[in-house]
Amino acid sequence: MKRSSWLTTGTFLLLGLMMSAAGCVVHDGPGYNGGYHEGYWDREHNRWWHENAWHDCGEGDAHCR
């Protein structure tokens, strides 16, 4: 085989490996919490994370900013 065909084959093989590795998804935390930390406030749903569970925000709740 010519050198240029080896180079082309190697390039496509390397590109294929890079593209498949880029598609990998890594979960950043075990279980339901998905990596949330204590006291995290979810503005969209008006709730906060405490002791590995979601809690709804109430009137004057200090954790809900």
PDB file of N, CA and C in Angstrom:
ATOM      1  N   MET A   1       0.832  -1.188   0.000  1.00  0.00           N
ATOM      2  CA  MET A   1       0.000   0.000   0.000  1.00  0.00           C
ATOM      3  C   MET A   1       0.869   1.240   0.000  1.00  0.00           C
ATOM      4  N   LYS A   2       0.345   2.258  -0.632  1.00  0.00           N
ATOM      5  CA  LYS A   2       1.081   3.510  -0.662  1.00  0.00           C
ATOM      6  C   LYS A   2       1.006   4.197   0.701  1.00  0.00           C
ATOM      7  N   ARG A   3       1.961   5.056   0.921  1.00  0.00           N
ATOM      8  CA  ARG A   3       2.019   5.797   2.183  1.00  0.00           C
ATOM      9  C   ARG A   3       0.794   6.702   2.344  1.00  0.00           C
ATOM     10  N   SER A   4       0.330   7.314   1.267  1.00  0.00           N
ATOM     11  CA  SER A   4      -0.808   8.231   1.346  1.00  0.00           C
ATOM     12  C   SER A   4      -2.095   7.501   1.729  1.00  0.00           C
ATOM     13  N   SER A   5      -2.273   6.267   1.297  1.00  0.00           N
ATOM     14  CA  SER A   5      -3.492   5.530   1.657  1.00  0.00           C
ATOM     15  C   SER A   5      -3.450   5.123   3.138  1.00  0.00           C
ATOM     16  N   TRP A   6      -2.257   4.798   3.676  1.00  0.00           N
ATOM     17  CA  TRP A   6      -2.126   4.518   5.109  1.00  0.00           C
ATOM     18  C   TRP A   6      -2.434   5.769   5.918  1.00  0.00           C
ATOM     19  N   LEU A   7      -1.960   6.900   5.446  1.00  0.00           N
ATOM     20  CA  LEU A   7      -2.199   8.168   6.136  1.00  0.00           C
ATOM     21  C   LEU A   7      -3.688   8.512   6.134  1.00  0.00           C
ATOM     22  N   THR A   8      -4.350   8.292   5.026  1.00  0.00           N
ATOM     23  CA  THR A   8      -5.784   8.559   4.927  1.00  0.00           C
ATOM     24  C   THR A   8      -6.572   7.617   5.831  1.00  0.00           C
ATOM     25  N   THR A   9      -6.224   6.350   5.818  1.00  0.00           N
ATOM     26  CA  THR A   9      -6.906   5.370   6.663  1.00  0.00           C
ATOM     27  C   THR A   9      -6.702   5.694   8.136  1.00  0.00           C
ATOM     28  N   GLY A  10      -5.481   6.017   8.510  1.00  0.00           N
ATOM     29  CA  GLY A  10      -5.183   6.374   9.894  1.00  0.00           C
ATOM     30  C   GLY A  10      -5.909   7.627  10.335  1.00  0.00           C
ATOM     31  N   THR A  11      -6.006   8.609   9.439  1.00  0.00           N
ATOM     32  CA  THR A  11      -6.709   9.854   9.760  1.00  0.00           C
ATOM     33  C   THR A  11      -8.185   9.591  10.027  1.00  0.00           C
ATOM     34  N   PHE A  12      -8.811   8.806   9.156  1.00  0.00           N
ATOM     35  CA  PHE A  12     -10.226   8.501   9.354  1.00  0.00           C
ATOM     36  C   PHE A  12     -10.463   7.660  10.606  1.00  0.00           C
ATOM     37  N   LEU A  13      -9.563   6.751  10.892  1.00  0.00           N
ATOM     38  CA  LEU A  13      -9.673   5.945  12.101  1.00  0.00           C
ATOM     39  C   LEU A  13      -9.558   6.827  13.344  1.00  0.00           C
ATOM     40  N   LEU A  14      -8.604   7.731  13.348  1.00  0.00           N
ATOM     41  CA  LEU A  14      -8.427   8.653  14.477  1.00  0.00           C
ATOM     42  C   LEU A  14      -9.632   9.581  14.629  1.00  0.00           C
ATOM     43  N   LEU A  15     -10.139  10.102  13.542  1.00  0.00           N
ATOM     44  CA  LEU A  15     -11.328  10.960  13.602  1.00  0.00           C
ATOM     45  C   LEU A  15     -12.542  10.189  14.131  1.00  0.00           C
ATOM     46  N   GLY A  16     -12.700   8.951  13.710  1.00  0.00           N
ATOM     47  CA  GLY A  16     -13.812   8.124  14.193  1.00  0.00           C
ATOM     48  C   GLY A  16     -13.723   7.882  15.693  1.00  0.00           C
ATOM     49  N   LEU A  17     -12.525   7.597  16.187  1.00  0.00           N
ATOM     50  CA  LEU A  17     -12.349   7.398  17.625  1.00  0.00           C
ATOM     51  C   LEU A  17     -12.635   8.673  18.409  1.00  0.00           C
ATOM     52  N   MET A  18     -12.174   9.790  17.895  1.00  0.00           N
ATOM     53  CA  MET A  18     -12.414  11.071  18.582  1.00  0.00           C
ATOM     54  C   MET A  18     -13.898  11.419  18.608  1.00  0.00           C
ATOM     55  N   MET A  19     -14.591  11.162  17.521  1.00  0.00           N
ATOM     56  CA  MET A  19     -16.020  11.479  17.472  1.00  0.00           C
ATOM     57  C   MET A  19     -16.823  10.570  18.390  1.00  0.00           C
ATOM     58  N   SER A  20     -16.443   9.299  18.487  1.00  0.00           N
ATOM     59  CA  SER A  20     -17.175   8.401  19.377  1.00  0.00           C
ATOM     60  C   SER A  20     -16.880   8.723  20.836  1.00  0.00           C
ATOM     61  N   ALA A  21     -15.677   9.155  21.151  1.00  0.00           N
ATOM     62  CA  ALA A  21     -15.345   9.529  22.527  1.00  0.00           C
ATOM     63  C   ALA A  21     -16.047  10.820  22.926  1.00  0.00           C
ATOM     64  N   ALA A  22     -16.262  11.725  21.992  1.00  0.00           N
ATOM     65  CA  ALA A  22     -16.933  12.985  22.292  1.00  0.00           C
ATOM     66  C   ALA A  22     -18.406  12.775  22.606  1.00  0.00           C
ATOM     67  N   GLY A  23     -18.979  11.671  22.179  1.00  0.00           N
ATOM     68  CA  GLY A  23     -20.391  11.400  22.421  1.00  0.00           C
ATOM     69  C   GLY A  23     -20.672  10.740  23.753  1.00  0.00           C
ATOM     70  N   CYS A  24     -19.647  10.457  24.532  1.00  0.00           N
ATOM     71  CA  CYS A  24     -19.845   9.806  25.820  1.00  0.00           C
ATOM     72  C   CYS A  24     -20.443  10.783  26.829  1.00  0.00           C
ATOM     73  N   VAL A  25     -21.399  10.310  27.601  1.00  0.00           N
ATOM     74  CA  VAL A  25     -22.032  11.129  28.627  1.00  0.00           C
ATOM     75  C   VAL A  25     -21.603  10.597  29.985  1.00  0.00           C
ATOM     76  N   VAL A  26     -21.174  11.500  30.844  1.00  0.00           N
ATOM     77  CA  VAL A  26     -20.708  11.111  32.164  1.00  0.00           C
ATOM     78  C   VAL A  26     -21.667  11.684  33.200  1.00  0.00           C
ATOM     79  N   HIS A  27     -22.237  10.815  34.016  1.00  0.00           N
ATOM     80  CA  HIS A  27     -23.135  11.234  35.087  1.00  0.00           C
ATOM     81  C   HIS A  27     -22.292  11.763  36.235  1.00  0.00           C
ATOM     82  N   ASP A  28     -22.576  12.987  36.704  1.00  0.00           N
ATOM     83  CA  ASP A  28     -21.706  13.611  37.700  1.00  0.00           C
ATOM     84  C   ASP A  28     -22.090  13.339  39.140  1.00  0.00           C
ATOM     85  N   GLY A  29     -23.023  12.480  39.380  1.00  0.00           N
ATOM     86  CA  GLY A  29     -23.368  12.182  40.762  1.00  0.00           C
ATOM     87  C   GLY A  29     -24.238  10.953  40.860  1.00  0.00           C
ATOM     88  N   PRO A  30     -24.108  10.213  41.948  1.00  0.00           N
ATOM     89  CA  PRO A  30     -24.919   9.009  42.099  1.00  0.00           C
ATOM     90  C   PRO A  30     -26.348   9.329  42.514  1.00  0.00           C
ATOM     91  N   GLY A  31     -27.268   8.487  42.106  1.00  0.00           N
ATOM     92  CA  GLY A  31     -28.647   8.587  42.575  1.00  0.00           C
ATOM     93  C   GLY A  31     -29.444   9.728  41.986  1.00  0.00           C
ATOM     94  N   TYR A  32     -30.492  10.099  42.699  1.00  0.00           N
ATOM     95  CA  TYR A  32     -31.467  11.088  42.227  1.00  0.00           C
ATOM     96  C   TYR A  32     -30.911  12.504  42.208  1.00  0.00           C
ATOM     97  N   ASN A  33     -29.998  12.820  43.086  1.00  0.00           N
ATOM     98  CA  ASN A  33     -29.577  14.212  43.231  1.00  0.00           C
ATOM     99  C   ASN A  33     -28.851  14.758  42.019  1.00  0.00           C
ATOM    100  N   GLY A  34     -28.224  13.918  41.214  1.00  0.00           N
ATOM    101  CA  GLY A  34     -27.575  14.396  40.002  1.00  0.00           C
ATOM    102  C   GLY A  34     -26.458  15.386  40.263  1.00  0.00           C
ATOM    103  N   GLY A  35     -25.857  15.347  41.444  1.00  0.00           N
ATOM    104  CA  GLY A  35     -24.750  16.236  41.746  1.00  0.00           C
ATOM    105  C   GLY A  35     -25.138  17.532  42.422  1.00  0.00           C
ATOM    106  N   TYR A  36     -26.398  17.699  42.819  1.00  0.00           N
ATOM    107  CA  TYR A  36     -26.797  18.921  43.518  1.00  0.00           C
ATOM    108  C   TYR A  36     -26.151  18.972  44.891  1.00  0.00           C
ATOM    109  N   HIS A  37     -25.807  20.161  45.326  1.00  0.00           N
ATOM    110  CA  HIS A  37     -25.198  20.321  46.643  1.00  0.00           C
ATOM    111  C   HIS A  37     -26.224  20.823  47.653  1.00  0.00           C
ATOM    112  N   GLU A  38     -25.930  20.671  48.895  1.00  0.00           N
ATOM    113  CA  GLU A  38     -26.819  21.073  49.989  1.00  0.00           C
ATOM    114  C   GLU A  38     -27.154  22.564  49.878  1.00  0.00           C
ATOM    115  N   GLY A  39     -28.436  22.889  49.926  1.00  0.00           N
ATOM    116  CA  GLY A  39     -28.882  24.271  49.864  1.00  0.00           C
ATOM    117  C   GLY A  39     -29.075  24.819  48.466  1.00  0.00           C
ATOM    118  N   TYR A  40     -28.942  23.991  47.424  1.00  0.00           N
ATOM    119  CA  TYR A  40     -29.123  24.457  46.045  1.00  0.00           C
ATOM    120  C   TYR A  40     -30.575  24.870  45.833  1.00  0.00           C
ATOM    121  N   TRP A  41     -30.778  26.067  45.261  1.00  0.00           N
ATOM    122  CA  TRP A  41     -32.120  26.586  45.008  1.00  0.00           C
ATOM    123  C   TRP A  41     -32.437  26.451  43.522  1.00  0.00           C
ATOM    124  N   ASP A  42     -33.532  25.773  43.208  1.00  0.00           N
ATOM    125  CA  ASP A  42     -34.001  25.602  41.835  1.00  0.00           C
ATOM    126  C   ASP A  42     -35.035  26.691  41.563  1.00  0.00           C
ATOM    127  N   ARG A  43     -34.600  27.771  40.952  1.00  0.00           N
ATOM    128  CA  ARG A  43     -35.459  28.939  40.719  1.00  0.00           C
ATOM    129  C   ARG A  43     -36.662  28.594  39.856  1.00  0.00           C
ATOM    130  N   GLU A  44     -36.453  27.784  38.825  1.00  0.00           N
ATOM    131  CA  GLU A  44     -37.527  27.459  37.885  1.00  0.00           C
ATOM    132  C   GLU A  44     -38.703  26.757  38.566  1.00  0.00           C
ATOM    133  N   HIS A  45     -38.428  25.872  39.515  1.00  0.00           N
ATOM    134  CA  HIS A  45     -39.478  25.105  40.184  1.00  0.00           C
ATOM    135  C   HIS A  45     -39.754  25.586  41.607  1.00  0.00           C
ATOM    136  N   ASN A  46     -39.060  26.640  42.040  1.00  0.00           N
ATOM    137  CA  ASN A  46     -39.237  27.230  43.374  1.00  0.00           C
ATOM    138  C   ASN A  46     -39.132  26.174  44.475  1.00  0.00           C
ATOM    139  N   ARG A  47     -37.972  25.500  44.501  1.00  0.00           N
ATOM    140  CA  ARG A  47     -37.713  24.470  45.491  1.00  0.00           C
ATOM    141  C   ARG A  47     -36.220  24.488  45.820  1.00  0.00           C
ATOM    142  N   TRP A  48     -35.847  23.831  46.905  1.00  0.00           N
ATOM    143  CA  TRP A  48     -34.435  23.767  47.267  1.00  0.00           C
ATOM    144  C   TRP A  48     -34.058  22.371  47.721  1.00  0.00           C
ATOM    145  N   TRP A  49     -32.769  22.022  47.584  1.00  0.00           N
ATOM    146  CA  TRP A  49     -32.247  20.688  47.859  1.00  0.00           C
ATOM    147  C   TRP A  49     -31.708  20.645  49.276  1.00  0.00           C
ATOM    148  N   HIS A  50     -32.237  19.716  50.094  1.00  0.00           N
ATOM    149  CA  HIS A  50     -31.804  19.589  51.486  1.00  0.00           C
ATOM    150  C   HIS A  50     -31.930  18.137  51.917  1.00  0.00           C
ATOM    151  N   GLU A  51     -30.868  17.576  52.491  1.00  0.00           N
ATOM    152  CA  GLU A  51     -30.834  16.195  52.975  1.00  0.00           C
ATOM    153  C   GLU A  51     -31.294  15.200  51.907  1.00  0.00           C
ATOM    154  N   ASN A  52     -30.729  15.341  50.712  1.00  0.00           N
ATOM    155  CA  ASN A  52     -30.977  14.444  49.576  1.00  0.00           C
ATOM    156  C   ASN A  52     -32.429  14.380  49.140  1.00  0.00           C
ATOM    157  N   ALA A  53     -33.146  15.493  49.232  1.00  0.00           N
ATOM    158  CA  ALA A  53     -34.532  15.555  48.766  1.00  0.00           C
ATOM    159  C   ALA A  53     -34.878  17.005  48.427  1.00  0.00           C
ATOM    160  N   TRP A  54     -35.863  17.172  47.548  1.00  0.00           N
ATOM    161  CA  TRP A  54     -36.347  18.508  47.204  1.00  0.00           C
ATOM    162  C   TRP A  54     -37.384  18.958  48.220  1.00  0.00           C
ATOM    163  N   HIS A  55     -37.349  20.238  48.589  1.00  0.00           N
ATOM    164  CA  HIS A  55     -38.324  20.837  49.496  1.00  0.00           C
ATOM    165  C   HIS A  55     -38.893  22.090  48.837  1.00  0.00           C
ATOM    166  N   ASP A  56     -40.227  22.224  48.891  1.00  0.00           N
ATOM    167  CA  ASP A  56     -40.860  23.401  48.312  1.00  0.00           C
ATOM    168  C   ASP A  56     -40.544  24.641  49.132  1.00  0.00           C
ATOM    169  N   CYS A  57     -40.440  25.770  48.465  1.00  0.00           N
ATOM    170  CA  CYS A  57     -40.178  27.030  49.152  1.00  0.00           C
ATOM    171  C   CYS A  57     -41.469  27.598  49.731  1.00  0.00           C
ATOM    172  N   GLY A  58     -41.371  28.123  50.925  1.00  0.00           N
ATOM    173  CA  GLY A  58     -42.514  28.741  51.577  1.00  0.00           C
ATOM    174  C   GLY A  58     -42.290  30.236  51.740  1.00  0.00           C
ATOM    175  N   GLU A  59     -43.276  30.916  52.291  1.00  0.00           N
ATOM    176  CA  GLU A  59     -43.174  32.361  52.539  1.00  0.00           C
ATOM    177  C   GLU A  59     -42.040  32.640  53.520  1.00  0.00           C
ATOM    178  N   GLY A  60     -41.141  33.535  53.165  1.00  0.00           N
ATOM    179  CA  GLY A  60     -40.058  33.934  54.051  1.00  0.00           C
ATOM    180  C   GLY A  60     -39.000  32.874  54.262  1.00  0.00           C
ATOM    181  N   ASP A  61     -38.940  31.881  53.410  1.00  0.00           N
ATOM    182  CA  ASP A  61     -37.944  30.810  53.548  1.00  0.00           C
ATOM    183  C   ASP A  61     -36.569  31.387  53.214  1.00  0.00           C
ATOM    184  N   ALA A  62     -35.639  31.241  54.133  1.00  0.00           N
ATOM    185  CA  ALA A  62     -34.297  31.827  53.979  1.00  0.00           C
ATOM    186  C   ALA A  62     -33.500  31.152  52.862  1.00  0.00           C
ATOM    187  N   HIS A  63     -33.828  29.914  52.516  1.00  0.00           N
ATOM    188  CA  HIS A  63     -33.069  29.194  51.501  1.00  0.00           C
ATOM    189  C   HIS A  63     -33.489  29.586  50.081  1.00  0.00           C
ATOM    190  N   CYS A  64     -34.640  30.183  49.924  1.00  0.00           N
ATOM    191  CA  CYS A  64     -35.149  30.567  48.607  1.00  0.00           C
ATOM    192  C   CYS A  64     -34.909  32.057  48.407  1.00  0.00           C
ATOM    193  N   ARG A  65     -33.994  32.366  47.547  1.00  0.00           N
ATOM    194  CA  ARG A  65     -33.587  33.767  47.366  1.00  0.00           C
ATOM    195  C   ARG A  65     -34.476  34.469  46.366  1.00  0.00           C
TER     196      ARG A  65
END
